[in-house]
N, C-alpha and C. Protein backbone atom coordinates (compact mmCIF):
# COMPACT_ATOMS: atom_id res chain seq x y z
N MET A 1 -104.25 37.99 50.51
CA MET A 1 -103.04 38.70 50.16
C MET A 1 -102.71 38.52 48.68
N LYS A 2 -102.91 37.30 48.18
CA LYS A 2 -102.61 37.03 46.77
C LYS A 2 -103.52 37.83 45.84
N LYS A 3 -104.76 38.07 46.27
CA LYS A 3 -105.69 38.84 45.46
C LYS A 3 -105.22 40.28 45.33
N TRP A 4 -104.70 40.84 46.41
CA TRP A 4 -104.21 42.22 46.37
C TRP A 4 -102.98 42.34 45.47
N ILE A 5 -102.10 41.38 45.55
CA ILE A 5 -100.91 41.40 44.68
C ILE A 5 -101.33 41.27 43.23
N ALA A 6 -102.26 40.38 42.94
CA ALA A 6 -102.75 40.20 41.57
C ALA A 6 -103.43 41.48 41.08
N LEU A 7 -104.21 42.12 41.93
CA LEU A 7 -104.88 43.37 41.56
C LEU A 7 -103.86 44.47 41.27
N ILE A 8 -102.83 44.57 42.10
CA ILE A 8 -101.79 45.58 41.88
C ILE A 8 -101.05 45.30 40.58
N LEU A 9 -100.75 44.05 40.29
CA LEU A 9 -100.07 43.69 39.04
C LEU A 9 -100.94 44.00 37.83
N ILE A 10 -102.21 43.72 37.92
CA ILE A 10 -103.13 44.01 36.81
C ILE A 10 -103.22 45.51 36.58
N LEU A 11 -103.32 46.29 37.66
CA LEU A 11 -103.36 47.75 37.53
C LEU A 11 -102.07 48.30 36.95
N ALA A 12 -100.93 47.76 37.37
CA ALA A 12 -99.64 48.21 36.84
C ALA A 12 -99.52 47.87 35.36
N LEU A 13 -99.95 46.69 34.97
CA LEU A 13 -99.93 46.32 33.55
C LEU A 13 -100.86 47.19 32.72
N ALA A 14 -102.04 47.47 33.26
CA ALA A 14 -102.99 48.33 32.54
C ALA A 14 -102.43 49.74 32.39
N LEU A 15 -101.81 50.26 33.42
CA LEU A 15 -101.21 51.59 33.36
C LEU A 15 -100.06 51.61 32.36
N GLY A 16 -99.22 50.59 32.37
CA GLY A 16 -98.12 50.48 31.41
C GLY A 16 -98.63 50.39 29.98
N ALA A 17 -99.69 49.63 29.76
CA ALA A 17 -100.27 49.52 28.42
C ALA A 17 -100.85 50.85 27.96
N TYR A 18 -101.47 51.58 28.88
CA TYR A 18 -102.04 52.88 28.52
C TYR A 18 -100.93 53.87 28.14
N VAL A 19 -99.85 53.88 28.90
CA VAL A 19 -98.73 54.79 28.59
C VAL A 19 -98.08 54.38 27.27
N ALA A 20 -97.92 53.09 27.04
CA ALA A 20 -97.32 52.62 25.79
C ALA A 20 -98.21 52.93 24.58
N ALA A 21 -99.50 52.91 24.77
CA ALA A 21 -100.43 53.21 23.67
C ALA A 21 -100.66 54.71 23.51
N GLY A 22 -100.14 55.51 24.42
CA GLY A 22 -100.36 56.95 24.42
C GLY A 22 -100.05 57.66 23.12
N PRO A 23 -98.87 57.43 22.50
CA PRO A 23 -98.59 58.12 21.24
C PRO A 23 -99.58 57.75 20.14
N TYR A 24 -99.98 56.50 20.10
CA TYR A 24 -100.94 56.07 19.08
C TYR A 24 -102.31 56.70 19.34
N LEU A 25 -102.66 56.86 20.62
CA LEU A 25 -103.91 57.54 20.95
C LEU A 25 -103.83 59.02 20.56
N ALA A 26 -102.66 59.64 20.74
CA ALA A 26 -102.49 61.04 20.35
C ALA A 26 -102.57 61.19 18.83
N ILE A 27 -101.95 60.28 18.10
CA ILE A 27 -102.02 60.33 16.63
C ILE A 27 -103.46 60.17 16.17
N ASN A 28 -104.17 59.24 16.77
CA ASN A 28 -105.58 59.04 16.42
C ASN A 28 -106.40 60.27 16.79
N GLY A 29 -106.11 60.88 17.94
CA GLY A 29 -106.82 62.09 18.34
C GLY A 29 -106.58 63.24 17.37
N ILE A 30 -105.34 63.38 16.88
CA ILE A 30 -105.04 64.42 15.89
C ILE A 30 -105.80 64.15 14.60
N ARG A 31 -105.84 62.88 14.19
CA ARG A 31 -106.61 62.53 12.97
C ARG A 31 -108.08 62.90 13.12
N GLN A 32 -108.66 62.54 14.27
CA GLN A 32 -110.07 62.84 14.49
C GLN A 32 -110.32 64.35 14.53
N ALA A 33 -109.43 65.09 15.19
CA ALA A 33 -109.59 66.54 15.28
C ALA A 33 -109.49 67.18 13.90
N LEU A 34 -108.57 66.70 13.07
CA LEU A 34 -108.45 67.24 11.71
C LEU A 34 -109.67 66.87 10.87
N ASP A 35 -110.16 65.65 11.05
CA ASP A 35 -111.34 65.22 10.31
C ASP A 35 -112.56 66.05 10.69
N GLU A 36 -112.70 66.33 11.98
CA GLU A 36 -113.84 67.11 12.47
C GLU A 36 -113.57 68.62 12.39
N GLN A 37 -112.34 69.00 12.04
CA GLN A 37 -111.89 70.39 12.01
C GLN A 37 -112.15 71.07 13.35
N ASP A 38 -111.83 70.37 14.41
CA ASP A 38 -112.03 70.83 15.78
C ASP A 38 -110.68 71.27 16.35
N THR A 39 -110.40 72.57 16.28
CA THR A 39 -109.11 73.07 16.74
C THR A 39 -108.99 72.99 18.27
N GLY A 40 -110.10 73.03 18.97
CA GLY A 40 -110.07 72.87 20.42
C GLY A 40 -109.57 71.49 20.82
N LYS A 41 -109.97 70.49 20.05
CA LYS A 41 -109.54 69.13 20.31
C LYS A 41 -108.04 68.97 20.01
N LEU A 42 -107.55 69.73 19.03
CA LEU A 42 -106.13 69.66 18.69
C LEU A 42 -105.25 70.08 19.88
N GLU A 43 -105.74 71.00 20.68
CA GLU A 43 -104.96 71.47 21.83
C GLU A 43 -104.68 70.35 22.83
N ARG A 44 -105.53 69.34 22.85
CA ARG A 44 -105.30 68.21 23.76
C ARG A 44 -104.13 67.35 23.31
N TYR A 45 -103.80 67.39 22.02
CA TYR A 45 -102.80 66.49 21.46
C TYR A 45 -101.56 67.20 20.92
N ILE A 46 -101.55 68.53 20.93
CA ILE A 46 -100.42 69.29 20.40
C ILE A 46 -99.97 70.30 21.44
N ASP A 47 -98.68 70.30 21.73
CA ASP A 47 -98.09 71.29 22.63
C ASP A 47 -97.67 72.48 21.77
N PHE A 48 -98.60 73.42 21.56
CA PHE A 48 -98.37 74.53 20.64
C PHE A 48 -97.18 75.41 21.03
N PRO A 49 -96.99 75.77 22.31
CA PRO A 49 -95.82 76.60 22.65
C PRO A 49 -94.49 75.92 22.28
N ALA A 50 -94.34 74.65 22.60
CA ALA A 50 -93.10 73.93 22.27
C ALA A 50 -92.94 73.81 20.75
N LEU A 51 -94.03 73.57 20.05
CA LEU A 51 -93.99 73.44 18.60
C LEU A 51 -93.58 74.76 17.94
N ARG A 52 -94.11 75.87 18.45
CA ARG A 52 -93.73 77.20 17.91
C ARG A 52 -92.24 77.46 18.08
N VAL A 53 -91.72 77.20 19.26
CA VAL A 53 -90.30 77.43 19.53
C VAL A 53 -89.44 76.59 18.59
N SER A 54 -89.80 75.34 18.43
CA SER A 54 -89.02 74.44 17.59
C SER A 54 -89.04 74.85 16.12
N ILE A 55 -90.21 75.17 15.61
CA ILE A 55 -90.32 75.53 14.19
C ILE A 55 -89.61 76.87 13.93
N LYS A 56 -89.77 77.82 14.85
CA LYS A 56 -89.07 79.11 14.70
C LYS A 56 -87.56 78.90 14.64
N ALA A 57 -87.04 78.10 15.55
CA ALA A 57 -85.60 77.86 15.59
C ALA A 57 -85.12 77.20 14.30
N GLN A 58 -85.87 76.23 13.79
CA GLN A 58 -85.47 75.56 12.55
C GLN A 58 -85.48 76.51 11.35
N LEU A 59 -86.53 77.32 11.24
CA LEU A 59 -86.64 78.24 10.12
C LEU A 59 -85.60 79.35 10.18
N GLU A 60 -85.34 79.87 11.38
CA GLU A 60 -84.32 80.91 11.53
C GLU A 60 -82.94 80.35 11.20
N ASP A 61 -82.67 79.12 11.62
CA ASP A 61 -81.39 78.49 11.31
C ASP A 61 -81.23 78.28 9.80
N ALA A 62 -82.28 77.81 9.16
CA ALA A 62 -82.22 77.60 7.71
C ALA A 62 -82.02 78.92 6.97
N MET A 63 -82.69 79.97 7.43
CA MET A 63 -82.55 81.27 6.79
C MET A 63 -81.12 81.80 6.96
N ALA A 64 -80.56 81.67 8.16
CA ALA A 64 -79.20 82.14 8.40
C ALA A 64 -78.19 81.35 7.58
N ARG A 65 -78.39 80.05 7.44
CA ARG A 65 -77.48 79.22 6.63
C ARG A 65 -77.55 79.61 5.15
N ARG A 66 -78.75 79.85 4.68
CA ARG A 66 -78.90 80.23 3.27
C ARG A 66 -78.33 81.62 3.00
N ALA A 67 -78.43 82.51 3.98
CA ALA A 67 -77.89 83.86 3.80
C ALA A 67 -76.37 83.81 3.71
N GLY A 68 -75.75 82.92 4.45
CA GLY A 68 -74.31 82.78 4.39
C GLY A 68 -73.58 83.75 5.31
N SER A 69 -72.30 83.50 5.47
CA SER A 69 -71.51 84.31 6.39
C SER A 69 -71.26 85.72 5.87
N GLU A 70 -71.23 85.88 4.54
CA GLU A 70 -71.00 87.22 3.98
C GLU A 70 -72.14 88.17 4.33
N VAL A 71 -73.37 87.70 4.22
CA VAL A 71 -74.52 88.53 4.55
C VAL A 71 -74.55 88.83 6.04
N GLN A 72 -74.24 87.84 6.86
CA GLN A 72 -74.29 88.01 8.31
C GLN A 72 -73.20 88.96 8.80
N SER A 73 -72.05 88.98 8.14
CA SER A 73 -70.97 89.85 8.59
C SER A 73 -71.15 91.29 8.10
N ASN A 74 -71.97 91.50 7.09
CA ASN A 74 -72.25 92.83 6.57
C ASN A 74 -73.28 93.50 7.48
N LEU A 75 -73.08 94.77 7.78
CA LEU A 75 -74.00 95.49 8.68
C LEU A 75 -75.42 95.51 8.15
N PHE A 76 -75.57 95.87 6.87
CA PHE A 76 -76.92 95.92 6.27
C PHE A 76 -77.52 94.52 6.12
N GLY A 77 -76.68 93.56 5.79
CA GLY A 77 -77.16 92.17 5.67
C GLY A 77 -77.64 91.64 7.00
N ALA A 78 -76.90 91.92 8.06
CA ALA A 78 -77.30 91.47 9.40
C ALA A 78 -78.61 92.15 9.81
N PHE A 79 -78.74 93.45 9.47
CA PHE A 79 -79.97 94.17 9.79
C PHE A 79 -81.16 93.56 9.03
N ALA A 80 -80.97 93.29 7.73
CA ALA A 80 -82.04 92.68 6.92
C ALA A 80 -82.39 91.29 7.44
N LEU A 81 -81.36 90.54 7.83
CA LEU A 81 -81.59 89.20 8.37
C LEU A 81 -82.36 89.27 9.69
N SER A 82 -82.07 90.28 10.50
CA SER A 82 -82.79 90.46 11.77
C SER A 82 -84.26 90.79 11.52
N ILE A 83 -84.52 91.68 10.56
CA ILE A 83 -85.91 92.02 10.23
C ILE A 83 -86.64 90.80 9.68
N ALA A 84 -85.99 90.06 8.79
CA ALA A 84 -86.62 88.86 8.22
C ALA A 84 -86.89 87.83 9.31
N SER A 85 -85.97 87.70 10.26
CA SER A 85 -86.15 86.76 11.35
C SER A 85 -87.34 87.15 12.22
N ASN A 86 -87.50 88.43 12.49
CA ASN A 86 -88.64 88.90 13.28
C ASN A 86 -89.96 88.66 12.55
N MET A 87 -89.97 88.91 11.25
CA MET A 87 -91.18 88.67 10.46
C MET A 87 -91.51 87.18 10.42
N LEU A 88 -90.48 86.37 10.25
CA LEU A 88 -90.67 84.92 10.23
C LEU A 88 -91.23 84.43 11.57
N GLY A 89 -90.66 84.94 12.66
CA GLY A 89 -91.14 84.57 13.99
C GLY A 89 -92.59 84.96 14.21
N GLY A 90 -92.96 86.16 13.72
CA GLY A 90 -94.35 86.59 13.85
C GLY A 90 -95.29 85.69 13.06
N GLY A 91 -94.85 85.28 11.87
CA GLY A 91 -95.67 84.38 11.06
C GLY A 91 -95.86 83.03 11.73
N VAL A 92 -94.79 82.50 12.31
CA VAL A 92 -94.89 81.21 13.01
C VAL A 92 -95.78 81.36 14.24
N ASP A 93 -95.60 82.47 14.98
CA ASP A 93 -96.45 82.69 16.16
C ASP A 93 -97.93 82.77 15.80
N THR A 94 -98.22 83.29 14.62
CA THR A 94 -99.61 83.42 14.19
C THR A 94 -100.17 82.09 13.69
N MET A 95 -99.39 81.36 12.92
CA MET A 95 -99.91 80.15 12.29
C MET A 95 -99.89 78.91 13.18
N VAL A 96 -98.92 78.81 14.08
CA VAL A 96 -98.83 77.61 14.92
C VAL A 96 -99.59 77.86 16.22
N THR A 97 -100.88 78.06 16.06
CA THR A 97 -101.84 78.23 17.16
C THR A 97 -103.11 77.49 16.74
N PRO A 98 -103.99 77.22 17.67
CA PRO A 98 -105.25 76.58 17.26
C PRO A 98 -106.02 77.40 16.23
N LEU A 99 -106.03 78.73 16.38
CA LEU A 99 -106.73 79.58 15.40
C LEU A 99 -106.03 79.56 14.05
N GLY A 100 -104.70 79.58 14.05
CA GLY A 100 -103.95 79.52 12.80
C GLY A 100 -104.16 78.21 12.08
N ILE A 101 -104.16 77.12 12.82
CA ILE A 101 -104.43 75.81 12.23
C ILE A 101 -105.86 75.76 11.71
N GLY A 102 -106.78 76.37 12.45
CA GLY A 102 -108.18 76.43 11.99
C GLY A 102 -108.30 77.18 10.68
N ALA A 103 -107.56 78.29 10.53
CA ALA A 103 -107.59 79.05 9.28
C ALA A 103 -107.01 78.22 8.14
N LEU A 104 -105.92 77.49 8.42
CA LEU A 104 -105.35 76.61 7.39
C LEU A 104 -106.34 75.52 6.98
N LEU A 105 -107.02 74.95 7.97
CA LEU A 105 -108.00 73.90 7.66
C LEU A 105 -109.16 74.47 6.86
N GLN A 106 -109.58 75.70 7.19
CA GLN A 106 -110.68 76.32 6.44
C GLN A 106 -110.27 76.56 5.00
N GLY A 107 -109.05 77.07 4.81
CA GLY A 107 -108.56 77.28 3.45
C GLY A 107 -108.42 75.97 2.69
N ARG A 108 -107.97 74.94 3.39
CA ARG A 108 -107.84 73.61 2.77
C ARG A 108 -109.21 73.08 2.36
N THR A 109 -110.20 73.28 3.22
CA THR A 109 -111.56 72.84 2.93
C THR A 109 -112.08 73.53 1.67
N LEU A 110 -111.91 74.83 1.60
CA LEU A 110 -112.37 75.56 0.41
C LEU A 110 -111.66 75.08 -0.85
N TRP A 111 -110.36 74.87 -0.74
CA TRP A 111 -109.59 74.40 -1.90
C TRP A 111 -110.05 73.01 -2.33
N LYS A 112 -110.21 72.11 -1.39
CA LYS A 112 -110.64 70.74 -1.71
C LYS A 112 -112.04 70.75 -2.34
N LYS A 113 -112.93 71.58 -1.81
CA LYS A 113 -114.27 71.65 -2.38
C LYS A 113 -114.24 72.23 -3.78
N SER A 114 -113.41 73.24 -4.01
CA SER A 114 -113.37 73.86 -5.34
C SER A 114 -112.77 72.94 -6.38
N THR A 115 -111.87 72.05 -5.95
CA THR A 115 -111.27 71.11 -6.91
C THR A 115 -112.05 69.80 -6.99
N GLY A 116 -113.09 69.66 -6.17
CA GLY A 116 -113.91 68.45 -6.21
C GLY A 116 -113.28 67.28 -5.47
N ASP A 117 -112.28 67.53 -4.65
CA ASP A 117 -111.62 66.47 -3.88
C ASP A 117 -112.38 66.26 -2.57
N THR A 118 -113.60 65.72 -2.71
CA THR A 118 -114.46 65.48 -1.55
C THR A 118 -114.69 63.99 -1.39
N VAL A 119 -115.25 63.62 -0.26
CA VAL A 119 -115.48 62.22 0.05
C VAL A 119 -116.39 61.56 -1.00
N ASP A 120 -117.46 62.28 -1.38
CA ASP A 120 -118.42 61.71 -2.32
C ASP A 120 -118.32 62.29 -3.73
N GLY A 121 -117.31 63.15 -3.98
CA GLY A 121 -117.13 63.74 -5.30
C GLY A 121 -118.02 64.93 -5.58
N ASP A 122 -118.91 65.26 -4.65
CA ASP A 122 -119.82 66.39 -4.81
C ASP A 122 -119.12 67.66 -4.31
N THR A 123 -119.27 68.75 -5.02
CA THR A 123 -118.62 70.00 -4.64
C THR A 123 -119.08 70.49 -3.28
N TYR A 124 -120.29 70.14 -2.89
CA TYR A 124 -120.81 70.57 -1.60
C TYR A 124 -120.59 69.51 -0.52
N GLY A 125 -119.95 68.43 -0.89
CA GLY A 125 -119.69 67.36 0.07
C GLY A 125 -118.55 67.69 1.00
N ARG A 126 -118.33 66.81 1.93
CA ARG A 126 -117.25 66.98 2.90
C ARG A 126 -115.90 66.70 2.23
N PRO A 127 -114.89 67.55 2.45
CA PRO A 127 -113.59 67.32 1.82
C PRO A 127 -112.91 66.07 2.37
N VAL A 128 -112.02 65.51 1.59
CA VAL A 128 -111.25 64.36 2.05
C VAL A 128 -110.43 64.83 3.26
N PRO A 129 -110.52 64.12 4.39
CA PRO A 129 -109.84 64.59 5.59
C PRO A 129 -108.32 64.59 5.44
N ALA A 130 -107.68 65.55 6.09
CA ALA A 130 -106.22 65.62 6.11
C ALA A 130 -105.70 64.53 7.04
N ASP A 131 -104.63 63.89 6.63
CA ASP A 131 -103.99 62.88 7.46
C ASP A 131 -102.49 62.97 7.28
N PRO A 132 -101.85 63.94 7.95
CA PRO A 132 -100.42 64.12 7.76
C PRO A 132 -99.58 62.95 8.28
N LEU A 133 -100.13 62.11 9.13
CA LEU A 133 -99.38 61.00 9.68
C LEU A 133 -99.74 59.67 9.02
N LYS A 134 -100.32 59.75 7.84
CA LYS A 134 -100.66 58.54 7.09
C LYS A 134 -99.36 57.89 6.62
N ASN A 135 -99.29 56.58 6.72
CA ASN A 135 -98.13 55.79 6.30
C ASN A 135 -96.85 56.18 7.04
N ALA A 136 -96.99 56.62 8.27
CA ALA A 136 -95.82 57.01 9.07
C ALA A 136 -95.14 55.78 9.64
N GLN A 137 -93.83 55.90 9.80
CA GLN A 137 -93.05 54.86 10.48
C GLN A 137 -92.92 55.31 11.94
N HIS A 138 -93.34 54.46 12.86
CA HIS A 138 -93.37 54.82 14.28
C HIS A 138 -92.20 54.19 15.01
N ARG A 139 -91.71 54.93 16.03
CA ARG A 139 -90.59 54.39 16.80
C ARG A 139 -90.51 55.09 18.16
N TYR A 140 -90.32 54.30 19.21
CA TYR A 140 -90.02 54.86 20.53
C TYR A 140 -88.53 55.14 20.56
N GLU A 141 -88.17 56.36 20.96
CA GLU A 141 -86.76 56.69 21.12
C GLU A 141 -86.35 56.63 22.59
N SER A 142 -87.30 56.79 23.47
CA SER A 142 -87.09 56.66 24.91
C SER A 142 -88.48 56.46 25.53
N PRO A 143 -88.53 56.22 26.83
CA PRO A 143 -89.85 56.06 27.45
C PRO A 143 -90.73 57.31 27.37
N SER A 144 -90.14 58.46 27.08
CA SER A 144 -90.94 59.68 27.01
C SER A 144 -90.82 60.40 25.67
N ARG A 145 -90.28 59.73 24.66
CA ARG A 145 -90.13 60.33 23.34
C ARG A 145 -90.49 59.30 22.27
N PHE A 146 -91.35 59.72 21.35
CA PHE A 146 -91.87 58.85 20.30
C PHE A 146 -91.84 59.63 18.99
N THR A 147 -91.41 59.00 17.91
CA THR A 147 -91.37 59.70 16.62
C THR A 147 -92.22 58.97 15.59
N ALA A 148 -92.80 59.77 14.71
CA ALA A 148 -93.53 59.27 13.55
C ALA A 148 -92.91 59.96 12.34
N ILE A 149 -92.35 59.18 11.43
CA ILE A 149 -91.64 59.74 10.29
C ILE A 149 -92.45 59.49 9.02
N VAL A 150 -92.70 60.56 8.28
CA VAL A 150 -93.37 60.46 6.98
C VAL A 150 -92.47 61.10 5.93
N GLN A 151 -92.68 60.72 4.69
CA GLN A 151 -91.91 61.28 3.57
C GLN A 151 -92.72 62.42 2.96
N ASP A 152 -92.03 63.53 2.66
CA ASP A 152 -92.72 64.62 1.98
C ASP A 152 -92.77 64.34 0.48
N GLN A 153 -93.24 65.27 -0.32
CA GLN A 153 -93.40 65.06 -1.75
C GLN A 153 -92.08 64.79 -2.45
N ASP A 154 -90.99 65.31 -1.90
CA ASP A 154 -89.67 65.09 -2.50
C ASP A 154 -88.98 63.85 -1.96
N GLY A 155 -89.62 63.15 -1.04
CA GLY A 155 -89.03 61.95 -0.46
C GLY A 155 -88.18 62.23 0.77
N ASP A 156 -88.15 63.47 1.23
CA ASP A 156 -87.39 63.82 2.42
C ASP A 156 -88.20 63.49 3.66
N PRO A 157 -87.53 63.07 4.74
CA PRO A 157 -88.28 62.72 5.95
C PRO A 157 -88.73 63.94 6.74
N VAL A 158 -89.97 63.88 7.21
CA VAL A 158 -90.52 64.87 8.15
C VAL A 158 -90.79 64.08 9.43
N VAL A 159 -90.16 64.51 10.51
CA VAL A 159 -90.24 63.77 11.76
C VAL A 159 -91.17 64.49 12.73
N PHE A 160 -92.22 63.81 13.14
CA PHE A 160 -93.16 64.32 14.14
C PHE A 160 -92.73 63.72 15.49
N VAL A 161 -92.40 64.57 16.44
CA VAL A 161 -91.91 64.12 17.73
C VAL A 161 -92.99 64.31 18.79
N PHE A 162 -93.34 63.22 19.46
CA PHE A 162 -94.30 63.24 20.55
C PHE A 162 -93.53 63.08 21.86
N ARG A 163 -93.92 63.88 22.85
CA ARG A 163 -93.28 63.78 24.16
C ARG A 163 -94.35 63.49 25.21
N ARG A 164 -93.91 62.72 26.20
CA ARG A 164 -94.81 62.35 27.28
C ARG A 164 -94.61 63.30 28.45
N ASN A 165 -95.73 63.76 28.99
CA ASN A 165 -95.72 64.56 30.21
C ASN A 165 -96.70 63.89 31.16
N GLY A 166 -96.18 63.19 32.13
CA GLY A 166 -97.05 62.38 33.00
C GLY A 166 -97.57 61.19 32.21
N LEU A 167 -98.88 61.09 32.10
CA LEU A 167 -99.48 60.00 31.33
C LEU A 167 -99.93 60.46 29.95
N GLN A 168 -99.79 61.74 29.67
CA GLN A 168 -100.31 62.29 28.42
C GLN A 168 -99.20 62.50 27.41
N TRP A 169 -99.46 62.15 26.15
CA TRP A 169 -98.53 62.35 25.05
C TRP A 169 -99.04 63.48 24.17
N LYS A 170 -98.10 64.35 23.74
CA LYS A 170 -98.47 65.46 22.85
C LYS A 170 -97.41 65.63 21.77
N LEU A 171 -97.85 66.10 20.62
CA LEU A 171 -96.93 66.47 19.55
C LEU A 171 -96.21 67.73 20.01
N ALA A 172 -94.87 67.67 20.11
CA ALA A 172 -94.12 68.80 20.65
C ALA A 172 -93.11 69.34 19.67
N ASP A 173 -92.88 68.64 18.55
CA ASP A 173 -91.85 69.07 17.63
C ASP A 173 -92.13 68.45 16.26
N ILE A 174 -91.83 69.22 15.23
CA ILE A 174 -91.87 68.69 13.86
C ILE A 174 -90.53 69.06 13.24
N ARG A 175 -89.72 68.06 12.93
CA ARG A 175 -88.42 68.29 12.30
C ARG A 175 -88.62 68.38 10.80
N LEU A 176 -88.47 69.59 10.28
CA LEU A 176 -88.71 69.85 8.86
C LEU A 176 -87.45 69.54 8.04
N PRO A 177 -87.62 69.08 6.83
CA PRO A 177 -86.45 68.78 5.97
C PRO A 177 -85.97 70.06 5.26
N LEU A 178 -85.31 70.93 6.00
CA LEU A 178 -84.84 72.17 5.42
C LEU A 178 -83.49 71.92 4.83
């Protein structure tokens, strides 16, 4: 009987450790996928539909705030804001997909190679891998929410939010410093 209890405790501890390490495994998986430029692998670690909704909402809110109440109350201003919002949404829908990320990575690769920013300094060498979560500050906010905060070029925080669904953790939100 004691062996069964010990086995159950060991399994519960192992499961708890796996769930607790989940966000770090997702961050590492994103790093590897970016290094290998494998957009299929990114889908395992990024919840693209949730990320699209979040980024669209943030950008539309920032655009409406910058436009101000005068533009929104004006008939033509509201119409222009609606058209701009639709165009913005289409751009986010296009770019926040595995194919859109792949295109960004391809463009980044070409840029890095043309500027000589490669691993070995050779123009034909492999570019220095992207690591958006480098030097991030990590924090659990709840048992199913984990954040990684990095500073952008201006020193503003960019918050990467990971959410747990079952035993799997995925990047579900990026809070932009708008």
